[in-house]
Every structure is written in structure tokens, then in C-alpha cells.
PDB file of N, CA and C in Angstrom:
ATOM      1  N   UNK A   1       0.842  -1.196   0.000  1.00  0.00           N
ATOM      2  CA  UNK A   1       0.000   0.000   0.000  1.00  0.00           C
ATOM      3  C   UNK A   1       0.873   1.240   0.000  1.00  0.00           C
ATOM      4  N   UNK A   2       0.598   2.139  -0.915  1.00  0.00           N
ATOM      5  CA  UNK A   2       1.285   3.435  -0.936  1.00  0.00           C
ATOM      6  C   UNK A   2       0.323   4.469  -0.364  1.00  0.00           C
ATOM      7  N   UNK A   3       0.839   5.277   0.544  1.00  0.00           N
ATOM      8  CA  UNK A   3       0.013   6.267   1.238  1.00  0.00           C
ATOM      9  C   UNK A   3       0.555   7.655   0.978  1.00  0.00           C
ATOM     10  N   UNK A   4      -0.328   8.577   0.661  1.00  0.00           N
ATOM     11  CA  UNK A   4       0.056   9.960   0.394  1.00  0.00           C
ATOM     12  C   UNK A   4      -0.827  10.898   1.199  1.00  0.00           C
ATOM     13  N   UNK A   5      -0.231  11.525   2.200  1.00  0.00           N
ATOM     14  CA  UNK A   5      -0.965  12.462   3.043  1.00  0.00           C
ATOM     15  C   UNK A   5      -0.901  13.860   2.464  1.00  0.00           C
ATOM     16  N   UNK A   6      -1.950  14.629   2.697  1.00  0.00           N
ATOM     17  CA  UNK A   6      -1.994  16.015   2.237  1.00  0.00           C
ATOM     18  C   UNK A   6      -2.926  16.804   3.144  1.00  0.00           C
ATOM     19  N   UNK A   7      -2.899  18.120   2.972  1.00  0.00           N
ATOM     20  CA  UNK A   7      -3.823  18.969   3.701  1.00  0.00           C
ATOM     21  C   UNK A   7      -3.209  19.772   4.822  1.00  0.00           C
ATOM     22  N   UNK A   8      -1.934  19.549   5.099  1.00  0.00           N
ATOM     23  CA  UNK A   8      -1.296  20.312   6.150  1.00  0.00           C
ATOM     24  C   UNK A   8      -1.120  21.765   5.759  1.00  0.00           C
ATOM     25  N   UNK A   9      -0.765  22.574   6.742  1.00  0.00           N
ATOM     26  CA  UNK A   9      -0.549  23.990   6.482  1.00  0.00           C
ATOM     27  C   UNK A   9      -0.438  24.771   7.759  1.00  0.00           C
ATOM     28  N   UNK A  10      -0.509  26.068   7.616  1.00  0.00           N
ATOM     29  CA  UNK A  10      -0.420  26.989   8.744  1.00  0.00           C
ATOM     30  C   UNK A  10      -1.823  27.473   9.098  1.00  0.00           C
ATOM     31  N   UNK A  11      -2.158  27.381  10.379  1.00  0.00           N
ATOM     32  CA  UNK A  11      -3.476  27.801  10.830  1.00  0.00           C
ATOM     33  C   UNK A  11      -3.341  28.460  12.194  1.00  0.00           C
ATOM     34  N   UNK A  12      -4.216  29.379  12.483  1.00  0.00           N
ATOM     35  CA  UNK A  12      -4.201  30.034  13.790  1.00  0.00           C
ATOM     36  C   UNK A  12      -4.853  29.134  14.830  1.00  0.00           C
ATOM     37  N   UNK A  13      -4.460  29.326  16.060  1.00  0.00           N
ATOM     38  CA  UNK A  13      -5.074  28.577  17.160  1.00  0.00           C
ATOM     39  C   UNK A  13      -6.585  28.784  17.136  1.00  0.00           C
ATOM     40  N   UNK A  14      -7.294  27.691  17.355  1.00  0.00           N
ATOM     41  CA  UNK A  14      -8.742  27.721  17.285  1.00  0.00           C
ATOM     42  C   UNK A  14      -9.305  27.386  15.925  1.00  0.00           C
ATOM     43  N   UNK A  15      -8.431  27.325  14.944  1.00  0.00           N
ATOM     44  CA  UNK A  15      -8.862  27.036  13.589  1.00  0.00           C
ATOM     45  C   UNK A  15      -9.003  25.555  13.311  1.00  0.00           C
ATOM     46  N   UNK A  16      -9.261  25.251  12.043  1.00  0.00           N
ATOM     47  CA  UNK A  16      -9.512  23.871  11.628  1.00  0.00           C
ATOM     48  C   UNK A  16      -8.720  23.525  10.380  1.00  0.00           C
ATOM     49  N   UNK A  17      -8.433  22.246  10.248  1.00  0.00           N
ATOM     50  CA  UNK A  17      -7.808  21.704   9.047  1.00  0.00           C
ATOM     51  C   UNK A  17      -8.362  20.317   8.812  1.00  0.00           C
ATOM     52  N   UNK A  18      -8.339  19.900   7.564  1.00  0.00           N
ATOM     53  CA  UNK A  18      -8.703  18.529   7.233  1.00  0.00           C
ATOM     54  C   UNK A  18      -7.517  17.889   6.518  1.00  0.00           C
ATOM     55  N   UNK A  19      -6.996  16.832   7.087  1.00  0.00           N
ATOM     56  CA  UNK A  19      -5.941  16.059   6.447  1.00  0.00           C
ATOM     57  C   UNK A  19      -6.572  14.901   5.678  1.00  0.00           C
ATOM     58  N   UNK A  20      -5.966  14.589   4.555  1.00  0.00           N
ATOM     59  CA  UNK A  20      -6.402  13.448   3.747  1.00  0.00           C
ATOM     60  C   UNK A  20      -5.213  12.526   3.516  1.00  0.00           C
ATOM     61  N   UNK A  21      -5.512  11.262   3.371  1.00  0.00           N
ATOM     62  CA  UNK A  21      -4.480  10.284   3.051  1.00  0.00           C
ATOM     63  C   UNK A  21      -5.050   9.349   1.986  1.00  0.00           C
ATOM     64  N   UNK A  22      -4.506   9.443   0.798  1.00  0.00           N
ATOM     65  CA  UNK A  22      -4.964   8.611  -0.311  1.00  0.00           C
ATOM     66  C   UNK A  22      -4.098   7.361  -0.400  1.00  0.00           C
ATOM     67  N   UNK A  23      -4.745   6.233  -0.557  1.00  0.00           N
ATOM     68  CA  UNK A  23      -4.037   4.958  -0.611  1.00  0.00           C
ATOM     69  C   UNK A  23      -4.146   4.342  -1.996  1.00  0.00           C
ATOM     70  N   UNK A  24      -3.109   3.662  -2.387  1.00  0.00           N
ATOM     71  CA  UNK A  24      -3.124   2.934  -3.649  1.00  0.00           C
ATOM     72  C   UNK A  24      -2.391   1.622  -3.447  1.00  0.00           C
ATOM     73  N   UNK A  25      -2.620   0.701  -4.333  1.00  0.00           N
ATOM     74  CA  UNK A  25      -1.959  -0.588  -4.215  1.00  0.00           C
ATOM     75  C   UNK A  25      -2.927  -1.648  -3.737  1.00  0.00           C
ATOM     76  N   UNK A  26      -2.598  -2.257  -2.631  1.00  0.00           N
ATOM     77  CA  UNK A  26      -3.417  -3.352  -2.122  1.00  0.00           C
ATOM     78  C   UNK A  26      -4.798  -2.854  -1.675  1.00  0.00           C
ATOM     79  N   UNK A  27      -5.676  -3.764  -1.385  1.00  0.00           N
ATOM     80  CA  UNK A  27      -7.051  -3.428  -1.043  1.00  0.00           C
ATOM     81  C   UNK A  27      -7.109  -2.559   0.204  1.00  0.00           C
ATOM     82  N   UNK A  28      -7.542  -1.346   0.002  1.00  0.00           N
ATOM     83  CA  UNK A  28      -7.598  -0.364   1.092  1.00  0.00           C
ATOM     84  C   UNK A  28      -8.492  -0.843   2.218  1.00  0.00           C
ATOM     85  N   UNK A  29      -9.627  -1.416   1.868  1.00  0.00           N
ATOM     86  CA  UNK A  29     -10.599  -1.806   2.889  1.00  0.00           C
ATOM     87  C   UNK A  29     -10.109  -2.970   3.752  1.00  0.00           C
ATOM     88  N   UNK A  30      -9.016  -3.567   3.365  1.00  0.00           N
ATOM     89  CA  UNK A  30      -8.456  -4.656   4.147  1.00  0.00           C
ATOM     90  C   UNK A  30      -7.547  -4.198   5.265  1.00  0.00           C
ATOM     91  N   UNK A  31      -7.396  -2.901   5.426  1.00  0.00           N
ATOM     92  CA  UNK A  31      -6.486  -2.345   6.419  1.00  0.00           C
ATOM     93  C   UNK A  31      -7.191  -1.373   7.351  1.00  0.00           C
ATOM     94  N   UNK A  32      -6.851  -1.478   8.616  1.00  0.00           N
ATOM     95  CA  UNK A  32      -7.181  -0.409   9.536  1.00  0.00           C
ATOM     96  C   UNK A  32      -6.213   0.737   9.261  1.00  0.00           C
ATOM     97  N   UNK A  33      -6.658   1.932   9.565  1.00  0.00           N
ATOM     98  CA  UNK A  33      -5.857   3.110   9.247  1.00  0.00           C
ATOM     99  C   UNK A  33      -5.678   3.986  10.485  1.00  0.00           C
ATOM    100  N   UNK A  34      -4.603   4.729  10.482  1.00  0.00           N
ATOM    101  CA  UNK A  34      -4.370   5.602  11.627  1.00  0.00           C
ATOM    102  C   UNK A  34      -3.609   6.850  11.243  1.00  0.00           C
ATOM    103  N   UNK A  35      -3.637   7.792  12.149  1.00  0.00           N
ATOM    104  CA  UNK A  35      -2.843   9.008  12.035  1.00  0.00           C
ATOM    105  C   UNK A  35      -1.923   9.084  13.257  1.00  0.00           C
ATOM    106  N   UNK A  36      -0.707   9.454  13.000  1.00  0.00           N
ATOM    107  CA  UNK A  36       0.288   9.680  14.039  1.00  0.00           C
ATOM    108  C   UNK A  36       0.906  11.048  13.801  1.00  0.00           C
ATOM    109  N   UNK A  37       1.595  11.545  14.784  1.00  0.00           N
ATOM    110  CA  UNK A  37       2.268  12.829  14.613  1.00  0.00           C
ATOM    111  C   UNK A  37       3.580  12.846  15.368  1.00  0.00           C
ATOM    112  N   UNK A  38       4.467  13.699  14.897  1.00  0.00           N
ATOM    113  CA  UNK A  38       5.755  13.877  15.568  1.00  0.00           C
ATOM    114  C   UNK A  38       6.084  15.349  15.593  1.00  0.00           C
ATOM    115  N   UNK A  39       6.143  15.881  16.786  1.00  0.00           N
ATOM    116  CA  UNK A  39       6.499  17.286  16.982  1.00  0.00           C
ATOM    117  C   UNK A  39       8.019  17.411  17.054  1.00  0.00           C
ATOM    118  N   UNK A  40       8.542  18.604  16.768  1.00  0.00           N
ATOM    119  CA  UNK A  40       9.997  18.792  16.821  1.00  0.00           C
ATOM    120  C   UNK A  40      10.567  18.406  18.174  1.00  0.00           C
ATOM    121  N   UNK A  41      11.572  17.567  18.161  1.00  0.00           N
ATOM    122  CA  UNK A  41      12.229  17.165  19.389  1.00  0.00           C
ATOM    123  C   UNK A  41      11.483  16.151  20.230  1.00  0.00           C
ATOM    124  N   UNK A  42      10.376  15.646  19.709  1.00  0.00           N
ATOM    125  CA  UNK A  42       9.581  14.695  20.471  1.00  0.00           C
ATOM    126  C   UNK A  42       9.449  13.381  19.698  1.00  0.00           C
ATOM    127  N   UNK A  43       9.030  12.358  20.419  1.00  0.00           N
ATOM    128  CA  UNK A  43       8.816  11.074  19.778  1.00  0.00           C
ATOM    129  C   UNK A  43       7.472  11.063  19.048  1.00  0.00           C
ATOM    130  N   UNK A  44       7.370  10.147  18.112  1.00  0.00           N
ATOM    131  CA  UNK A  44       6.112   9.981  17.410  1.00  0.00           C
ATOM    132  C   UNK A  44       5.023   9.525  18.376  1.00  0.00           C
ATOM    133  N   UNK A  45       3.815  10.014  18.176  1.00  0.00           N
ATOM    134  CA  UNK A  45       2.721   9.616  19.037  1.00  0.00           C
ATOM    135  C   UNK A  45       1.471   9.308  18.219  1.00  0.00           C
ATOM    136  N   UNK A  46       0.686   8.399  18.758  1.00  0.00           N
ATOM    137  CA  UNK A  46      -0.587   8.018  18.161  1.00  0.00           C
ATOM    138  C   UNK A  46      -1.577   9.172  18.272  1.00  0.00           C
ATOM    139  N   UNK A  47      -2.373   9.374  17.216  1.00  0.00           N
ATOM    140  CA  UNK A  47      -3.403  10.408  17.227  1.00  0.00           C
ATOM    141  C   UNK A  47      -4.799   9.784  17.136  1.00  0.00           C
ATOM    142  N   UNK A  48      -5.020   8.978  16.092  1.00  0.00           N
ATOM    143  CA  UNK A  48      -6.360   8.426  15.884  1.00  0.00           C
ATOM    144  C   UNK A  48      -6.273   7.184  15.013  1.00  0.00           C
ATOM    145  N   UNK A  49      -7.284   6.331  15.157  1.00  0.00           N
ATOM    146  CA  UNK A  49      -7.347   5.100  14.364  1.00  0.00           C
ATOM    147  C   UNK A  49      -8.783   4.835  13.943  1.00  0.00           C
ATOM    148  N   UNK A  50      -8.924   4.155  12.817  1.00  0.00           N
ATOM    149  CA  UNK A  50     -10.252   3.756  12.341  1.00  0.00           C
ATOM    150  C   UNK A  50     -10.154   2.320  11.831  1.00  0.00           C
ATOM    151  N   UNK A  51     -11.166   1.535  12.142  1.00  0.00           N
ATOM    152  CA  UNK A  51     -11.173   0.139  11.736  1.00  0.00           C
ATOM    153  C   UNK A  51     -11.446   0.001  10.238  1.00  0.00           C
ATOM    154  N   UNK A  52     -11.363  -1.215   9.752  1.00  0.00           N
ATOM    155  CA  UNK A  52     -11.449  -1.458   8.312  1.00  0.00           C
ATOM    156  C   UNK A  52     -12.745  -0.959   7.697  1.00  0.00           C
ATOM    157  N   UNK A  53     -13.848  -1.137   8.398  1.00  0.00           N
ATOM    158  CA  UNK A  53     -15.129  -0.712   7.829  1.00  0.00           C
ATOM    159  C   UNK A  53     -15.584   0.635   8.364  1.00  0.00           C
ATOM    160  N   UNK A  54     -14.739   1.269   9.162  1.00  0.00           N
ATOM    161  CA  UNK A  54     -15.058   2.576   9.701  1.00  0.00           C
ATOM    162  C   UNK A  54     -15.928   2.550  10.945  1.00  0.00           C
ATOM    163  N   UNK A  55     -16.310   1.359  11.380  1.00  0.00           N
ATOM    164  CA  UNK A  55     -17.215   1.272  12.508  1.00  0.00           C
ATOM    165  C   UNK A  55     -16.580   1.525  13.856  1.00  0.00           C
ATOM    166  N   UNK A  56     -15.270   1.390  13.923  1.00  0.00           N
ATOM    167  CA  UNK A  56     -14.573   1.610  15.174  1.00  0.00           C
ATOM    168  C   UNK A  56     -13.553   2.720  15.039  1.00  0.00           C
ATOM    169  N   UNK A  57     -13.528   3.606  16.024  1.00  0.00           N
ATOM    170  CA  UNK A  57     -12.545   4.687  16.021  1.00  0.00           C
ATOM    171  C   UNK A  57     -11.942   4.811  17.409  1.00  0.00           C
ATOM    172  N   UNK A  58     -10.719   5.311  17.444  1.00  0.00           N
ATOM    173  CA  UNK A  58     -10.041   5.535  18.710  1.00  0.00           C
ATOM    174  C   UNK A  58      -9.179   6.777  18.626  1.00  0.00           C
ATOM    175  N   UNK A  59      -8.989   7.443  19.766  1.00  0.00           N
ATOM    176  CA  UNK A  59      -8.275   8.711  19.777  1.00  0.00           C
ATOM    177  C   UNK A  59      -7.346   8.802  20.973  1.00  0.00           C
ATOM    178  N   UNK A  60      -6.285   9.550  20.781  1.00  0.00           N
ATOM    179  CA  UNK A  60      -5.449   9.924  21.910  1.00  0.00           C
ATOM    180  C   UNK A  60      -6.235  10.895  22.783  1.00  0.00           C
ATOM    181  N   UNK A  61      -5.983  10.843  24.070  1.00  0.00           N
ATOM    182  CA  UNK A  61      -6.705  11.733  24.993  1.00  0.00           C
ATOM    183  C   UNK A  61      -6.517  13.201  24.620  1.00  0.00           C
ATOM    184  N   UNK A  62      -5.359  13.534  24.100  1.00  0.00           N
ATOM    185  CA  UNK A  62      -5.046  14.934  23.803  1.00  0.00           C
ATOM    186  C   UNK A  62      -5.887  15.503  22.663  1.00  0.00           C
ATOM    187  N   UNK A  63      -6.516  14.636  21.864  1.00  0.00           N
ATOM    188  CA  UNK A  63      -7.286  15.135  20.719  1.00  0.00           C
ATOM    189  C   UNK A  63      -8.758  14.775  20.790  1.00  0.00           C
ATOM    190  N   UNK A  64      -9.148  14.006  21.787  1.00  0.00           N
ATOM    191  CA  UNK A  64     -10.558  13.602  21.915  1.00  0.00           C
ATOM    192  C   UNK A  64     -11.460  14.815  21.980  1.00  0.00           C
ATOM    193  N   UNK A  65     -12.541  14.751  21.205  1.00  0.00           N
ATOM    194  CA  UNK A  65     -13.490  15.848  21.176  1.00  0.00           C
ATOM    195  C   UNK A  65     -13.122  16.959  20.220  1.00  0.00           C
ATOM    196  N   UNK A  66     -11.897  16.921  19.695  1.00  0.00           N
ATOM    197  CA  UNK A  66     -11.458  17.960  18.752  1.00  0.00           C
ATOM    198  C   UNK A  66     -11.190  17.386  17.367  1.00  0.00           C
ATOM    199  N   UNK A  67     -10.673  16.175  17.316  1.00  0.00           N
ATOM    200  CA  UNK A  67     -10.326  15.535  16.037  1.00  0.00           C
ATOM    201  C   UNK A  67     -11.301  14.414  15.738  1.00  0.00           C
ATOM    202  N   UNK A  68     -11.558  14.200  14.452  1.00  0.00           N
ATOM    203  CA  UNK A  68     -12.412  13.101  14.007  1.00  0.00           C
ATOM    204  C   UNK A  68     -11.750  12.391  12.837  1.00  0.00           C
ATOM    205  N   UNK A  69     -11.601  11.085  12.969  1.00  0.00           N
ATOM    206  CA  UNK A  69     -11.053  10.283  11.878  1.00  0.00           C
ATOM    207  C   UNK A  69     -12.205   9.603  11.149  1.00  0.00           C
ATOM    208  N   UNK A  70     -12.089   9.525   9.838  1.00  0.00           N
ATOM    209  CA  UNK A  70     -13.102   8.847   9.035  1.00  0.00           C
ATOM    210  C   UNK A  70     -12.429   8.277   7.796  1.00  0.00           C
ATOM    211  N   UNK A  71     -13.135   7.422   7.115  1.00  0.00           N
ATOM    212  CA  UNK A  71     -12.586   6.841   5.891  1.00  0.00           C
ATOM    213  C   UNK A  71     -13.691   6.655   4.864  1.00  0.00           C
ATOM    214  N   UNK A  72     -13.272   6.683   3.618  1.00  0.00           N
ATOM    215  CA  UNK A  72     -14.177   6.428   2.507  1.00  0.00           C
ATOM    216  C   UNK A  72     -13.524   5.320   1.682  1.00  0.00           C
ATOM    217  N   UNK A  73     -13.995   4.099   1.856  1.00  0.00           N
ATOM    218  CA  UNK A  73     -13.370   2.969   1.174  1.00  0.00           C
ATOM    219  C   UNK A  73     -13.580   3.020  -0.332  1.00  0.00           C
ATOM    220  N   UNK A  74     -14.624   3.682  -0.773  1.00  0.00           N
ATOM    221  CA  UNK A  74     -14.841   3.820  -2.218  1.00  0.00           C
ATOM    222  C   UNK A  74     -13.805   4.739  -2.852  1.00  0.00           C
ATOM    223  N   UNK A  75     -13.273   5.659  -2.048  1.00  0.00           N
ATOM    224  CA  UNK A  75     -12.275   6.604  -2.548  1.00  0.00           C
ATOM    225  C   UNK A  75     -10.870   6.257  -2.076  1.00  0.00           C
ATOM    226  N   UNK A  76     -10.729   5.149  -1.347  1.00  0.00           N
ATOM    227  CA  UNK A  76      -9.420   4.741  -0.831  1.00  0.00           C
ATOM    228  C   UNK A  76      -8.743   5.869  -0.055  1.00  0.00           C
ATOM    229  N   UNK A  77      -9.521   6.534   0.781  1.00  0.00           N
ATOM    230  CA  UNK A  77      -9.008   7.719   1.474  1.00  0.00           C
ATOM    231  C   UNK A  77      -9.431   7.705   2.939  1.00  0.00           C
ATOM    232  N   UNK A  78      -8.513   8.119   3.788  1.00  0.00           N
ATOM    233  CA  UNK A  78      -8.809   8.332   5.201  1.00  0.00           C
ATOM    234  C   UNK A  78      -8.598   9.813   5.500  1.00  0.00           C
ATOM    235  N   UNK A  79      -9.431  10.336   6.402  1.00  0.00           N
ATOM    236  CA  UNK A  79      -9.413  11.762   6.702  1.00  0.00           C
ATOM    237  C   UNK A  79      -9.169  11.984   8.200  1.00  0.00           C
ATOM    238  N   UNK A  80      -8.646  13.144   8.501  1.00  0.00           N
ATOM    239  CA  UNK A  80      -8.547  13.581   9.883  1.00  0.00           C
ATOM    240  C   UNK A  80      -9.063  15.014   9.934  1.00  0.00           C
ATOM    241  N   UNK A  81     -10.255  15.175  10.498  1.00  0.00           N
ATOM    242  CA  UNK A  81     -10.820  16.506  10.694  1.00  0.00           C
ATOM    243  C   UNK A  81     -10.303  17.040  12.031  1.00  0.00           C
ATOM    244  N   UNK A  82      -9.626  18.156  11.968  1.00  0.00           N
ATOM    245  CA  UNK A  82      -9.026  18.734  13.165  1.00  0.00           C
ATOM    246  C   UNK A  82      -9.668  20.082  13.459  1.00  0.00           C
ATOM    247  N   UNK A  83     -10.295  20.183  14.604  1.00  0.00           N
ATOM    248  CA  UNK A  83     -10.945  21.422  15.036  1.00  0.00           C
ATOM    249  C   UNK A  83     -10.299  21.935  16.319  1.00  0.00           C
ATOM    250  N   UNK A  84     -10.571  23.186  16.626  1.00  0.00           N
ATOM    251  CA  UNK A  84     -10.056  23.808  17.854  1.00  0.00           C
ATOM    252  C   UNK A  84      -8.564  23.537  18.012  1.00  0.00           C
ATOM    253  N   UNK A  85      -7.841  23.775  16.968  1.00  0.00           N
ATOM    254  CA  UNK A  85      -6.411  23.477  16.982  1.00  0.00           C
ATOM    255  C   UNK A  85      -5.664  24.331  17.985  1.00  0.00           C
ATOM    256  N   UNK A  86      -4.643  23.723  18.579  1.00  0.00           N
ATOM    257  CA  UNK A  86      -3.812  24.373  19.578  1.00  0.00           C
ATOM    258  C   UNK A  86      -2.371  24.401  19.097  1.00  0.00           C
ATOM    259  N   UNK A  87      -1.569  25.311  19.583  1.00  0.00           N
ATOM    260  CA  UNK A  87      -0.149  25.328  19.195  1.00  0.00           C
ATOM    261  C   UNK A  87       0.542  23.986  19.451  1.00  0.00           C
ATOM    262  N   UNK A  88       0.130  23.289  20.488  1.00  0.00           N
ATOM    263  CA  UNK A  88       0.753  21.999  20.794  1.00  0.00           C
ATOM    264  C   UNK A  88       0.361  20.896  19.801  1.00  0.00           C
ATOM    265  N   UNK A  89      -0.552  21.192  18.880  1.00  0.00           N
ATOM    266  CA  UNK A  89      -0.874  20.246  17.807  1.00  0.00           C
ATOM    267  C   UNK A  89       0.124  20.353  16.649  1.00  0.00           C
ATOM    268  N   UNK A  90       1.005  21.334  16.717  1.00  0.00           N
ATOM    269  CA  UNK A  90       2.007  21.506  15.667  1.00  0.00           C
ATOM    270  C   UNK A  90       2.897  20.271  15.579  1.00  0.00           C
ATOM    271  N   UNK A  91       2.964  19.688  14.388  1.00  0.00           N
ATOM    272  CA  UNK A  91       3.726  18.459  14.194  1.00  0.00           C
ATOM    273  C   UNK A  91       3.654  18.060  12.728  1.00  0.00           C
ATOM    274  N   UNK A  92       4.478  17.101  12.384  1.00  0.00           N
ATOM    275  CA  UNK A  92       4.320  16.416  11.103  1.00  0.00           C
ATOM    276  C   UNK A  92       3.357  15.258  11.342  1.00  0.00           C
ATOM    277  N   UNK A  93       2.330  15.201  10.546  1.00  0.00           N
ATOM    278  CA  UNK A  93       1.307  14.171  10.686  1.00  0.00           C
ATOM    279  C   UNK A  93       1.512  13.099   9.619  1.00  0.00           C
ATOM    280  N   UNK A  94       1.457  11.840  10.065  1.00  0.00           N
ATOM    281  CA  UNK A  94       1.664  10.699   9.179  1.00  0.00           C
ATOM    282  C   UNK A  94       0.428   9.809   9.195  1.00  0.00           C
ATOM    283  N   UNK A  95       0.078   9.290   8.038  1.00  0.00           N
ATOM    284  CA  UNK A  95      -0.957   8.263   8.031  1.00  0.00           C
ATOM    285  C   UNK A  95      -0.277   6.895   7.958  1.00  0.00           C
ATOM    286  N   UNK A  96      -0.983   5.897   8.436  1.00  0.00           N
ATOM    287  CA  UNK A  96      -0.418   4.566   8.531  1.00  0.00           C
ATOM    288  C   UNK A  96      -1.507   3.526   8.305  1.00  0.00           C
ATOM    289  N   UNK A  97      -1.086   2.364   7.833  1.00  0.00           N
ATOM    290  CA  UNK A  97      -2.010   1.260   7.587  1.00  0.00           C
ATOM    291  C   UNK A  97      -1.509   0.007   8.277  1.00  0.00           C
ATOM    292  N   UNK A  98      -2.449  -0.737   8.838  1.00  0.00           N
ATOM    293  CA  UNK A  98      -2.091  -1.993   9.477  1.00  0.00           C
ATOM    294  C   UNK A  98      -3.223  -3.000   9.344  1.00  0.00           C
ATOM    295  N   UNK A  99      -2.870  -4.257   9.409  1.00  0.00           N
ATOM    296  CA  UNK A  99      -3.893  -5.291   9.232  1.00  0.00           C
ATOM    297  C   UNK A  99      -4.881  -5.325  10.389  1.00  0.00           C
ATOM    298  N   UNK A 100      -4.428  -4.937  11.573  1.00  0.00           N
ATOM    299  CA  UNK A 100      -5.273  -5.050  12.753  1.00  0.00           C
ATOM    300  C   UNK A 100      -5.450  -3.707  13.441  1.00  0.00           C
ATOM    301  N   UNK A 101      -6.668  -3.431  13.832  1.00  0.00           N
ATOM    302  CA  UNK A 101      -7.036  -2.171  14.501  1.00  0.00           C
ATOM    303  C   UNK A 101      -6.232  -1.994  15.784  1.00  0.00           C
ATOM    304  N   UNK A 102      -6.078  -3.063  16.539  1.00  0.00           N
ATOM    305  CA  UNK A 102      -5.331  -2.975  17.796  1.00  0.00           C
ATOM    306  C   UNK A 102      -3.877  -2.604  17.533  1.00  0.00           C
ATOM    307  N   UNK A 103      -3.360  -3.041  16.409  1.00  0.00           N
ATOM    308  CA  UNK A 103      -1.986  -2.721  16.070  1.00  0.00           C
ATOM    309  C   UNK A 103      -1.779  -1.253  15.752  1.00  0.00           C
ATOM    310  N   UNK A 104      -2.827  -0.614  15.293  1.00  0.00           N
ATOM    311  CA  UNK A 104      -2.761   0.824  15.061  1.00  0.00           C
ATOM    312  C   UNK A 104      -2.811   1.541  16.406  1.00  0.00           C
ATOM    313  N   UNK A 105      -3.717   1.125  17.253  1.00  0.00           N
ATOM    314  CA  UNK A 105      -3.907   1.793  18.541  1.00  0.00           C
ATOM    315  C   UNK A 105      -2.637   1.799  19.372  1.00  0.00           C
ATOM    316  N   UNK A 106      -1.915   0.686  19.371  1.00  0.00           N
ATOM    317  CA  UNK A 106      -0.727   0.607  20.209  1.00  0.00           C
ATOM    318  C   UNK A 106       0.563   0.813  19.431  1.00  0.00           C
ATOM    319  N   UNK A 107       0.447   1.256  18.187  1.00  0.00           N
ATOM    320  CA  UNK A 107       1.625   1.556  17.362  1.00  0.00           C
ATOM    321  C   UNK A 107       2.559   0.360  17.292  1.00  0.00           C
ATOM    322  N   UNK A 108       1.971  -0.817  17.265  1.00  0.00           N
ATOM    323  CA  UNK A 108       2.794  -2.024  17.269  1.00  0.00           C
ATOM    324  C   UNK A 108       2.507  -2.923  16.077  1.00  0.00           C
ATOM    325  N   UNK A 109       1.685  -2.415  15.162  1.00  0.00           N
ATOM    326  CA  UNK A 109       1.309  -3.259  14.030  1.00  0.00           C
ATOM    327  C   UNK A 109       1.108  -2.455  12.767  1.00  0.00           C
ATOM    328  N   UNK A 110       2.042  -1.565  12.503  1.00  0.00           N
ATOM    329  CA  UNK A 110       1.954  -0.732  11.304  1.00  0.00           C
ATOM    330  C   UNK A 110       2.673  -1.436  10.160  1.00  0.00           C
ATOM    331  N   UNK A 111       1.958  -1.630   9.080  1.00  0.00           N
ATOM    332  CA  UNK A 111       2.549  -2.269   7.912  1.00  0.00           C
ATOM    333  C   UNK A 111       3.067  -1.256   6.889  1.00  0.00           C
ATOM    334  N   UNK A 112       2.399  -0.123   6.812  1.00  0.00           N
ATOM    335  CA  UNK A 112       2.783   0.885   5.826  1.00  0.00           C
ATOM    336  C   UNK A 112       2.667   2.275   6.431  1.00  0.00           C
ATOM    337  N   UNK A 113       3.640   3.102   6.096  1.00  0.00           N
ATOM    338  CA  UNK A 113       3.643   4.510   6.499  1.00  0.00           C
ATOM    339  C   UNK A 113       3.600   5.387   5.266  1.00  0.00           C
ATOM    340  N   UNK A 114       2.912   6.505   5.402  1.00  0.00           N
ATOM    341  CA  UNK A 114       2.960   7.509   4.362  1.00  0.00           C
ATOM    342  C   UNK A 114       3.961   8.591   4.719  1.00  0.00           C
ATOM    343  N   UNK A 115       4.297   9.409   3.750  1.00  0.00           N
ATOM    344  CA  UNK A 115       5.108  10.584   4.041  1.00  0.00           C
ATOM    345  C   UNK A 115       4.250  11.587   4.785  1.00  0.00           C
ATOM    346  N   UNK A 116       4.866  12.351   5.630  1.00  0.00           N
ATOM    347  CA  UNK A 116       4.112  13.235   6.490  1.00  0.00           C
ATOM    348  C   UNK A 116       3.675  14.528   5.833  1.00  0.00           C
ATOM    349  N   UNK A 117       2.750  15.183   6.493  1.00  0.00           N
ATOM    350  CA  UNK A 117       2.323  16.515   6.103  1.00  0.00           C
ATOM    351  C   UNK A 117       2.399  17.407   7.324  1.00  0.00           C
ATOM    352  N   UNK A 118       2.986  18.595   7.164  1.00  0.00           N
ATOM    353  CA  UNK A 118       3.259  19.466   8.296  1.00  0.00           C
ATOM    354  C   UNK A 118       2.047  20.315   8.641  1.00  0.00           C
ATOM    355  N   UNK A 119       1.702  20.296   9.919  1.00  0.00           N
ATOM    356  CA  UNK A 119       0.658  21.166  10.457  1.00  0.00           C
ATOM    357  C   UNK A 119       1.311  22.112  11.451  1.00  0.00           C
ATOM    358  N   UNK A 120       1.129  23.400  11.231  1.00  0.00           N
ATOM    359  CA  UNK A 120       1.675  24.410  12.123  1.00  0.00           C
ATOM    360  C   UNK A 120       0.536  25.257  12.648  1.00  0.00           C
ATOM    361  N   UNK A 121       0.420  25.327  13.963  1.00  0.00           N
ATOM    362  CA  UNK A 121      -0.639  26.103  14.598  1.00  0.00           C
ATOM    363  C   UNK A 121       0.000  27.268  15.321  1.00  0.00           C
ATOM    364  N   UNK A 122      -0.339  28.462  14.906  1.00  0.00           N
ATOM    365  CA  UNK A 122       0.242  29.662  15.513  1.00  0.00           C
ATOM    366  C   UNK A 122      -0.654  30.156  16.648  1.00  0.00           C
ATOM    367  N   UNK A 123       0.001  30.730  17.639  1.00  0.00           N
ATOM    368  CA  UNK A 123      -0.755  31.217  18.806  1.00  0.00           C
ATOM    369  C   UNK A 123      -1.212  32.650  18.607  1.00  0.00           C
TER     370      UNK A 123
END
């Protein structure tokens, strides 16, 4: 699976962005999908995950209630709707694919990574 993330940019605190990740190659619907991020000088961290059919979602505590992950299997695309953005959300965001939803949640079962897209939130 090849993953291409897009949609990053510069936004003011309190603003919104929508990230997209387009997949190609193997059957998209056969993979759970997730978003991770890495801020400067920090380790990569889990942000959100969605199960293969979109019925299950999970979020890091830091983004619950502000971010929403969704997927469109007909378009081979996963989205991350980000609202009420904070400066601490500034990071490079990566999409990822894994065979198992639990493997996305615990960052222990990622089969494919996409290139990141930079999100910068100004105060």
C-alpha cells in the first residue's frame, strides 16, 4: 500500500484543518488506518485510528473531542478533521495502515507509512 498524506498547512489557534491520506496498491478496505504525529524534538505519538469498515474509532486523549477520523473505502481515502487546533498540535502528521485495529492503537502493528504533512498552529 502506498500512502500519500496532504492537507497540512499553517493555521491560527482555534482554527480547523482537514488532512487526507490517499491509498493505492493493495485493497484499502483490508487495512485499519491511523494518524500519528511527531512534533519537533519529540517522539512519534498516536493520534487516531479507524477500523477497516469505519465502525470503530479511537483517539489519543489529547485530541478527543477535537479531532475526528473517518474513511471512505470507495475513494481509498482516510481523513482527519481537526478542530479547535492548539499550538501543541504543531507536528508532522503521518498516516499509517495496518492489518489489525489494535496494532494501530498501540503503534505495534503498522505495515505501511505515508510521508508526512506538516501542520503548524500559531498562537
